[in-house]
Amino acid sequence: MLKWLWLSSLVLVLDQSSKWAMTSWLSLYDIVKVVPFFNLIMAYNSGAAFGFLLQAGGWKLWFFTIISVIVSTILLIWLKRLRFSDKLESISISLILGGTVGNLVDRIILGYVIDFLDLYNYFGSYHFPAFNIADSSICFGVTILLIDNFKCNRR
């Protein structure tokens, strides 16, 4: 099922090109209001998801890099072992892999992950943490994987 690596590659290219475009256009913490619940914002995340371990020392770069390499390796092995009939699972693993590698590239080259998508509650003050294409791909892939798993368990 390595034929689905094109999807991982597509996610990687879209993620890295969108980050390049945003860094060429916006400076750190610049905000562009798009619609009443969505902004483009330039933010750097040296932590993990939702800024987890943001205040930790320099060890976290190596920690997250090693974790990303391990996860990517596991996902590649998982993808390779899937049967031809496991299409949804293959798509989900490919999406997660592409997102993981996209954020890994940022960590290796920059030492942090570039986030630029900002969703918020227009009628309140809650802002979802800024994210990027790679994060979206990971979340979408996990969602598909969970749905597929629940669907298979019902059968």
N, C-alpha and C. Protein backbone atom coordinates (compact mmCIF):
# COMPACT_ATOMS: atom_id res chain seq x y z
N MET A 1 0.82 -1.21 0.00
CA MET A 1 0.00 0.00 0.00
C MET A 1 0.86 1.26 0.00
N LEU A 2 2.13 1.12 -0.32
CA LEU A 2 2.98 2.30 -0.41
C LEU A 2 2.57 3.20 -1.57
N LYS A 3 1.62 2.73 -2.39
CA LYS A 3 1.14 3.57 -3.49
C LYS A 3 0.48 4.84 -2.94
N TRP A 4 0.09 4.86 -1.68
CA TRP A 4 -0.56 6.03 -1.08
C TRP A 4 0.45 7.07 -0.60
N LEU A 5 1.74 6.82 -0.80
CA LEU A 5 2.74 7.81 -0.40
C LEU A 5 2.63 9.11 -1.20
N TRP A 6 1.97 9.05 -2.36
CA TRP A 6 1.75 10.28 -3.12
C TRP A 6 0.91 11.26 -2.29
N LEU A 7 -0.01 10.73 -1.50
CA LEU A 7 -0.85 11.58 -0.66
C LEU A 7 -0.02 12.23 0.45
N SER A 8 0.87 11.45 1.06
CA SER A 8 1.78 12.01 2.06
C SER A 8 2.66 13.10 1.44
N SER A 9 3.14 12.84 0.24
CA SER A 9 3.98 13.82 -0.46
C SER A 9 3.20 15.08 -0.79
N LEU A 10 1.95 14.93 -1.20
CA LEU A 10 1.10 16.08 -1.49
C LEU A 10 0.90 16.94 -0.24
N VAL A 11 0.60 16.29 0.88
CA VAL A 11 0.43 17.01 2.14
C VAL A 11 1.72 17.75 2.48
N LEU A 12 2.85 17.10 2.35
CA LEU A 12 4.14 17.72 2.64
C LEU A 12 4.39 18.94 1.77
N VAL A 13 4.14 18.82 0.47
CA VAL A 13 4.35 19.94 -0.45
C VAL A 13 3.39 21.10 -0.13
N LEU A 14 2.11 20.79 0.09
CA LEU A 14 1.14 21.84 0.43
C LEU A 14 1.50 22.52 1.74
N ASP A 15 1.91 21.73 2.73
CA ASP A 15 2.28 22.28 4.03
C ASP A 15 3.49 23.20 3.91
N GLN A 16 4.54 22.72 3.31
CA GLN A 16 5.77 23.51 3.23
C GLN A 16 5.60 24.74 2.32
N SER A 17 4.87 24.60 1.23
CA SER A 17 4.68 25.77 0.35
C SER A 17 3.77 26.80 1.00
N SER A 18 2.77 26.37 1.76
CA SER A 18 1.91 27.34 2.45
C SER A 18 2.68 28.06 3.56
N LYS A 19 3.55 27.35 4.25
CA LYS A 19 4.37 27.98 5.29
C LYS A 19 5.34 28.98 4.66
N TRP A 20 5.93 28.59 3.53
CA TRP A 20 6.84 29.51 2.84
C TRP A 20 6.09 30.78 2.40
N ALA A 21 4.89 30.59 1.84
CA ALA A 21 4.09 31.74 1.39
C ALA A 21 3.74 32.66 2.56
N MET A 22 3.34 32.08 3.67
CA MET A 22 2.96 32.89 4.84
C MET A 22 4.15 33.63 5.42
N THR A 23 5.31 32.97 5.51
CA THR A 23 6.49 33.66 6.05
C THR A 23 7.01 34.73 5.09
N SER A 24 6.74 34.58 3.80
CA SER A 24 7.12 35.61 2.83
C SER A 24 6.20 36.82 2.92
N TRP A 25 5.00 36.60 3.40
CA TRP A 25 3.97 37.64 3.41
C TRP A 25 3.82 38.30 4.77
N LEU A 26 3.86 37.52 5.85
CA LEU A 26 3.60 38.04 7.19
C LEU A 26 4.84 38.00 8.06
N SER A 27 4.91 38.95 8.98
CA SER A 27 5.95 38.95 10.01
C SER A 27 5.37 38.27 11.25
N LEU A 28 6.24 37.93 12.18
CA LEU A 28 5.81 37.26 13.40
C LEU A 28 4.70 38.04 14.09
N TYR A 29 3.62 37.36 14.40
CA TYR A 29 2.42 37.87 15.09
C TYR A 29 1.58 38.85 14.27
N ASP A 30 1.87 39.01 12.98
CA ASP A 30 0.98 39.78 12.10
C ASP A 30 -0.34 39.02 11.99
N ILE A 31 -1.44 39.77 11.90
CA ILE A 31 -2.77 39.17 11.78
C ILE A 31 -3.47 39.75 10.58
N VAL A 32 -4.06 38.89 9.77
CA VAL A 32 -4.89 39.30 8.64
C VAL A 32 -6.27 38.70 8.88
N LYS A 33 -7.26 39.55 9.06
CA LYS A 33 -8.63 39.08 9.27
C LYS A 33 -9.22 38.65 7.93
N VAL A 34 -9.70 37.43 7.87
CA VAL A 34 -10.25 36.89 6.63
C VAL A 34 -11.77 36.92 6.67
N VAL A 35 -12.35 36.31 7.68
CA VAL A 35 -13.80 36.32 7.94
C VAL A 35 -13.98 36.46 9.45
N PRO A 36 -15.19 36.72 9.93
CA PRO A 36 -15.38 36.99 11.36
C PRO A 36 -14.96 35.87 12.33
N PHE A 37 -14.60 34.71 11.85
CA PHE A 37 -14.19 33.62 12.75
C PHE A 37 -12.85 33.01 12.35
N PHE A 38 -12.15 33.64 11.39
CA PHE A 38 -10.91 33.07 10.88
C PHE A 38 -9.92 34.16 10.51
N ASN A 39 -8.69 34.02 11.02
CA ASN A 39 -7.59 34.93 10.71
C ASN A 39 -6.41 34.13 10.16
N LEU A 40 -5.55 34.83 9.48
CA LEU A 40 -4.22 34.31 9.20
C LEU A 40 -3.30 35.02 10.18
N ILE A 41 -2.45 34.27 10.85
CA ILE A 41 -1.55 34.84 11.85
C ILE A 41 -0.22 34.11 11.75
N MET A 42 0.86 34.84 11.88
CA MET A 42 2.17 34.20 11.84
C MET A 42 2.61 33.91 13.27
N ALA A 43 2.77 32.61 13.58
CA ALA A 43 3.18 32.21 14.92
C ALA A 43 4.20 31.08 14.82
N TYR A 44 5.10 31.05 15.77
CA TYR A 44 6.10 29.99 15.84
C TYR A 44 5.82 29.16 17.08
N ASN A 45 5.76 27.84 16.91
CA ASN A 45 5.48 26.95 18.02
C ASN A 45 6.68 26.05 18.26
N SER A 46 7.39 26.31 19.35
CA SER A 46 8.55 25.46 19.66
C SER A 46 8.14 24.31 20.58
N GLY A 47 6.85 24.27 20.94
CA GLY A 47 6.34 23.17 21.76
C GLY A 47 5.70 22.12 20.88
N ALA A 48 4.79 21.36 21.48
CA ALA A 48 4.05 20.35 20.72
C ALA A 48 2.64 20.89 20.47
N ALA A 49 1.71 20.00 20.23
CA ALA A 49 0.33 20.39 19.96
C ALA A 49 -0.20 21.31 21.06
N PHE A 50 -0.86 22.37 20.65
CA PHE A 50 -1.46 23.35 21.55
C PHE A 50 -0.43 24.00 22.47
N GLY A 51 0.83 24.05 22.04
CA GLY A 51 1.87 24.70 22.83
C GLY A 51 2.35 23.87 24.01
N PHE A 52 2.04 22.58 24.04
CA PHE A 52 2.47 21.70 25.12
C PHE A 52 3.99 21.75 25.24
N LEU A 53 4.50 21.91 26.42
CA LEU A 53 5.93 22.00 26.74
C LEU A 53 6.59 23.23 26.11
N LEU A 54 5.82 24.26 25.85
CA LEU A 54 6.34 25.47 25.23
C LEU A 54 7.45 26.10 26.06
N GLN A 55 7.32 26.05 27.37
CA GLN A 55 8.29 26.69 28.26
C GLN A 55 9.45 25.78 28.65
N ALA A 56 9.46 24.55 28.17
CA ALA A 56 10.53 23.61 28.52
C ALA A 56 11.85 24.07 27.88
N GLY A 57 12.94 23.53 28.35
CA GLY A 57 14.26 23.91 27.87
C GLY A 57 14.54 23.44 26.46
N GLY A 58 15.81 23.54 26.04
CA GLY A 58 16.22 23.19 24.68
C GLY A 58 16.12 21.73 24.34
N TRP A 59 15.96 20.87 25.33
CA TRP A 59 15.87 19.43 25.09
C TRP A 59 14.65 19.07 24.26
N LYS A 60 13.61 19.91 24.33
CA LYS A 60 12.35 19.54 23.67
C LYS A 60 12.48 19.45 22.16
N LEU A 61 13.37 20.23 21.54
CA LEU A 61 13.57 20.15 20.09
C LEU A 61 14.02 18.74 19.71
N TRP A 62 15.01 18.20 20.41
CA TRP A 62 15.50 16.86 20.12
C TRP A 62 14.45 15.82 20.47
N PHE A 63 13.74 16.03 21.57
CA PHE A 63 12.70 15.09 21.99
C PHE A 63 11.62 14.98 20.91
N PHE A 64 11.08 16.13 20.46
CA PHE A 64 10.02 16.10 19.45
C PHE A 64 10.53 15.61 18.10
N THR A 65 11.77 15.90 17.78
CA THR A 65 12.35 15.42 16.54
C THR A 65 12.47 13.89 16.56
N ILE A 66 12.97 13.35 17.65
CA ILE A 66 13.11 11.89 17.77
C ILE A 66 11.74 11.22 17.75
N ILE A 67 10.78 11.79 18.49
CA ILE A 67 9.42 11.23 18.50
C ILE A 67 8.85 11.23 17.08
N SER A 68 9.03 12.33 16.35
CA SER A 68 8.50 12.43 14.98
C SER A 68 9.14 11.40 14.06
N VAL A 69 10.43 11.18 14.19
CA VAL A 69 11.11 10.17 13.37
C VAL A 69 10.58 8.78 13.70
N ILE A 70 10.41 8.48 14.98
CA ILE A 70 9.89 7.17 15.39
C ILE A 70 8.47 6.98 14.86
N VAL A 71 7.61 7.99 15.05
CA VAL A 71 6.22 7.89 14.58
C VAL A 71 6.18 7.72 13.07
N SER A 72 6.99 8.48 12.34
CA SER A 72 7.01 8.37 10.88
C SER A 72 7.44 6.97 10.44
N THR A 73 8.42 6.41 11.11
CA THR A 73 8.88 5.06 10.79
C THR A 73 7.78 4.03 11.04
N ILE A 74 7.11 4.16 12.18
CA ILE A 74 6.01 3.25 12.50
C ILE A 74 4.89 3.37 11.46
N LEU A 75 4.57 4.61 11.07
CA LEU A 75 3.51 4.81 10.08
C LEU A 75 3.88 4.22 8.73
N LEU A 76 5.14 4.36 8.33
CA LEU A 76 5.59 3.76 7.06
C LEU A 76 5.47 2.24 7.10
N ILE A 77 5.89 1.63 8.20
CA ILE A 77 5.79 0.17 8.34
C ILE A 77 4.32 -0.25 8.32
N TRP A 78 3.49 0.49 9.05
CA TRP A 78 2.05 0.20 9.09
C TRP A 78 1.45 0.27 7.69
N LEU A 79 1.79 1.35 6.98
CA LEU A 79 1.26 1.54 5.63
C LEU A 79 1.71 0.42 4.70
N LYS A 80 2.96 0.02 4.84
CA LYS A 80 3.50 -1.04 3.98
C LYS A 80 2.79 -2.38 4.21
N ARG A 81 2.34 -2.63 5.43
CA ARG A 81 1.73 -3.92 5.77
C ARG A 81 0.23 -3.98 5.48
N LEU A 82 -0.37 -2.88 5.10
CA LEU A 82 -1.82 -2.89 4.84
C LEU A 82 -2.15 -3.65 3.56
N ARG A 83 -3.34 -4.22 3.54
CA ARG A 83 -3.83 -4.93 2.35
C ARG A 83 -4.41 -3.91 1.36
N PHE A 84 -4.55 -4.36 0.14
CA PHE A 84 -5.11 -3.51 -0.91
C PHE A 84 -6.52 -3.03 -0.56
N SER A 85 -7.28 -3.85 0.15
CA SER A 85 -8.66 -3.51 0.48
C SER A 85 -8.77 -2.48 1.62
N ASP A 86 -7.69 -2.18 2.29
CA ASP A 86 -7.70 -1.24 3.42
C ASP A 86 -7.49 0.20 2.94
N LYS A 87 -8.37 0.67 2.06
CA LYS A 87 -8.17 1.98 1.45
C LYS A 87 -8.30 3.14 2.43
N LEU A 88 -9.37 3.13 3.24
CA LEU A 88 -9.55 4.24 4.20
C LEU A 88 -8.42 4.30 5.20
N GLU A 89 -8.00 3.14 5.67
CA GLU A 89 -6.89 3.10 6.62
C GLU A 89 -5.60 3.59 5.95
N SER A 90 -5.40 3.23 4.70
CA SER A 90 -4.21 3.69 3.96
C SER A 90 -4.23 5.20 3.77
N ILE A 91 -5.39 5.74 3.44
CA ILE A 91 -5.52 7.19 3.27
C ILE A 91 -5.24 7.89 4.59
N SER A 92 -5.81 7.40 5.67
CA SER A 92 -5.63 8.05 6.96
C SER A 92 -4.17 8.01 7.41
N ILE A 93 -3.52 6.88 7.26
CA ILE A 93 -2.11 6.76 7.65
C ILE A 93 -1.25 7.67 6.78
N SER A 94 -1.56 7.77 5.50
CA SER A 94 -0.81 8.65 4.59
C SER A 94 -0.97 10.12 4.98
N LEU A 95 -2.17 10.51 5.36
CA LEU A 95 -2.40 11.89 5.81
C LEU A 95 -1.63 12.19 7.09
N ILE A 96 -1.67 11.27 8.04
CA ILE A 96 -0.95 11.47 9.30
C ILE A 96 0.56 11.53 9.03
N LEU A 97 1.04 10.65 8.18
CA LEU A 97 2.47 10.62 7.85
C LEU A 97 2.91 11.92 7.20
N GLY A 98 2.15 12.41 6.22
CA GLY A 98 2.50 13.66 5.56
C GLY A 98 2.55 14.83 6.52
N GLY A 99 1.59 14.89 7.43
CA GLY A 99 1.57 15.97 8.43
C GLY A 99 2.72 15.87 9.41
N THR A 100 3.02 14.65 9.83
CA THR A 100 4.12 14.45 10.77
C THR A 100 5.45 14.87 10.15
N VAL A 101 5.66 14.48 8.91
CA VAL A 101 6.91 14.84 8.22
C VAL A 101 6.96 16.35 7.95
N GLY A 102 5.80 16.96 7.63
CA GLY A 102 5.77 18.41 7.41
C GLY A 102 6.23 19.18 8.63
N ASN A 103 5.74 18.82 9.80
CA ASN A 103 6.16 19.50 11.03
C ASN A 103 7.59 19.12 11.42
N LEU A 104 8.00 17.88 11.09
CA LEU A 104 9.38 17.45 11.35
C LEU A 104 10.38 18.30 10.55
N VAL A 105 10.05 18.58 9.30
CA VAL A 105 10.93 19.41 8.47
C VAL A 105 11.12 20.79 9.12
N ASP A 106 10.04 21.39 9.62
CA ASP A 106 10.14 22.67 10.31
C ASP A 106 11.08 22.58 11.52
N ARG A 107 10.88 21.56 12.33
CA ARG A 107 11.70 21.42 13.55
C ARG A 107 13.17 21.25 13.22
N ILE A 108 13.47 20.46 12.19
CA ILE A 108 14.87 20.22 11.83
C ILE A 108 15.51 21.49 11.26
N ILE A 109 14.81 22.17 10.35
CA ILE A 109 15.38 23.33 9.68
C ILE A 109 15.31 24.60 10.54
N LEU A 110 14.18 24.83 11.20
CA LEU A 110 13.96 26.09 11.91
C LEU A 110 14.08 25.99 13.43
N GLY A 111 13.84 24.81 13.97
CA GLY A 111 13.83 24.65 15.42
C GLY A 111 12.46 24.90 16.03
N TYR A 112 11.48 25.15 15.21
CA TYR A 112 10.10 25.37 15.65
C TYR A 112 9.18 25.09 14.47
N VAL A 113 7.87 25.02 14.75
CA VAL A 113 6.87 24.77 13.71
C VAL A 113 6.15 26.08 13.41
N ILE A 114 5.96 26.37 12.14
CA ILE A 114 5.24 27.57 11.71
C ILE A 114 3.74 27.28 11.71
N ASP A 115 2.99 28.10 12.43
CA ASP A 115 1.53 28.01 12.45
C ASP A 115 0.96 29.31 11.92
N PHE A 116 -0.14 29.23 11.17
CA PHE A 116 -0.68 30.46 10.57
C PHE A 116 -2.19 30.48 10.43
N LEU A 117 -2.87 29.43 10.78
CA LEU A 117 -4.33 29.39 10.68
C LEU A 117 -4.92 29.62 12.07
N ASP A 118 -5.86 30.54 12.19
CA ASP A 118 -6.41 30.93 13.48
C ASP A 118 -7.93 30.94 13.42
N LEU A 119 -8.56 29.95 14.06
CA LEU A 119 -10.01 29.88 14.17
C LEU A 119 -10.42 30.39 15.55
N TYR A 120 -11.53 31.12 15.61
CA TYR A 120 -11.98 31.60 16.91
C TYR A 120 -13.49 31.78 16.92
N ASN A 121 -14.01 31.89 18.13
CA ASN A 121 -15.44 32.10 18.35
C ASN A 121 -15.73 33.59 18.20
N TYR A 122 -16.45 33.95 17.16
CA TYR A 122 -16.73 35.36 16.86
C TYR A 122 -17.51 36.04 17.98
N PHE A 123 -18.38 35.31 18.66
CA PHE A 123 -19.22 35.90 19.69
C PHE A 123 -18.60 35.82 21.08
N GLY A 124 -17.47 35.21 21.19
CA GLY A 124 -16.78 35.10 22.48
C GLY A 124 -15.33 35.48 22.31
N SER A 125 -14.52 35.07 23.24
CA SER A 125 -13.11 35.44 23.16
C SER A 125 -12.21 34.22 22.99
N TYR A 126 -12.79 33.04 22.73
CA TYR A 126 -11.98 31.83 22.62
C TYR A 126 -11.31 31.73 21.25
N HIS A 127 -10.01 31.57 21.25
CA HIS A 127 -9.24 31.32 20.04
C HIS A 127 -8.70 29.90 20.12
N PHE A 128 -8.99 29.10 19.10
CA PHE A 128 -8.38 27.79 18.99
C PHE A 128 -6.89 28.04 18.76
N PRO A 129 -5.98 27.23 19.31
CA PRO A 129 -4.55 27.46 19.05
C PRO A 129 -4.26 27.48 17.55
N ALA A 130 -3.36 28.36 17.14
CA ALA A 130 -2.99 28.46 15.73
C ALA A 130 -2.45 27.10 15.25
N PHE A 131 -2.69 26.81 13.99
CA PHE A 131 -2.28 25.53 13.42
C PHE A 131 -1.88 25.72 11.97
N ASN A 132 -1.57 24.62 11.27
CA ASN A 132 -1.10 24.68 9.89
C ASN A 132 -1.69 23.52 9.09
N ILE A 133 -1.28 23.39 7.84
CA ILE A 133 -1.78 22.33 6.97
C ILE A 133 -1.40 20.95 7.51
N ALA A 134 -0.18 20.82 8.02
CA ALA A 134 0.27 19.53 8.56
C ALA A 134 -0.60 19.11 9.74
N ASP A 135 -0.87 20.05 10.65
CA ASP A 135 -1.72 19.74 11.80
C ASP A 135 -3.12 19.32 11.34
N SER A 136 -3.65 20.03 10.36
CA SER A 136 -4.97 19.69 9.82
C SER A 136 -4.99 18.30 9.22
N SER A 137 -3.93 17.97 8.50
CA SER A 137 -3.82 16.66 7.87
C SER A 137 -3.76 15.56 8.92
N ILE A 138 -3.01 15.79 9.99
CA ILE A 138 -2.92 14.81 11.07
C ILE A 138 -4.30 14.61 11.70
N CYS A 139 -4.98 15.70 12.02
CA CYS A 139 -6.31 15.60 12.65
C CYS A 139 -7.32 14.91 11.74
N PHE A 140 -7.30 15.27 10.46
CA PHE A 140 -8.22 14.66 9.50
C PHE A 140 -7.91 13.17 9.36
N GLY A 141 -6.62 12.81 9.29
CA GLY A 141 -6.22 11.41 9.18
C GLY A 141 -6.63 10.60 10.39
N VAL A 142 -6.45 11.16 11.59
CA VAL A 142 -6.85 10.46 12.81
C VAL A 142 -8.37 10.28 12.84
N THR A 143 -9.10 11.31 12.42
CA THR A 143 -10.57 11.21 12.38
C THR A 143 -11.02 10.10 11.44
N ILE A 144 -10.44 10.05 10.25
CA ILE A 144 -10.79 8.98 9.29
C ILE A 144 -10.44 7.62 9.88
N LEU A 145 -9.29 7.51 10.52
CA LEU A 145 -8.86 6.25 11.11
C LEU A 145 -9.83 5.79 12.20
N LEU A 146 -10.27 6.72 13.04
CA LEU A 146 -11.23 6.38 14.10
C LEU A 146 -12.58 5.95 13.51
N ILE A 147 -13.05 6.69 12.54
CA ILE A 147 -14.34 6.34 11.91
C ILE A 147 -14.24 4.98 11.25
N ASP A 148 -13.15 4.74 10.53
CA ASP A 148 -12.96 3.45 9.87
C ASP A 148 -12.87 2.32 10.90
N ASN A 149 -12.19 2.57 12.01
CA ASN A 149 -12.06 1.57 13.05
C ASN A 149 -13.42 1.24 13.69
N PHE A 150 -14.21 2.27 13.98
CA PHE A 150 -15.54 2.03 14.55
C PHE A 150 -16.44 1.30 13.55
N LYS A 151 -16.33 1.67 12.29
CA LYS A 151 -17.12 1.01 11.25
C LYS A 151 -16.74 -0.46 11.14
N CYS A 152 -15.45 -0.76 11.18
CA CYS A 152 -15.00 -2.15 11.08
C CYS A 152 -15.38 -2.94 12.32
N ASN A 153 -15.35 -2.31 13.48
CA ASN A 153 -15.71 -3.01 14.72
C ASN A 153 -17.18 -3.37 14.75
N ARG A 154 -18.01 -2.58 14.11
CA ARG A 154 -19.45 -2.87 14.06
C ARG A 154 -19.72 -4.09 13.22
N ARG A 155 -18.91 -4.29 12.17
CA ARG A 155 -19.08 -5.47 11.32
C ARG A 155 -18.55 -6.65 12.08
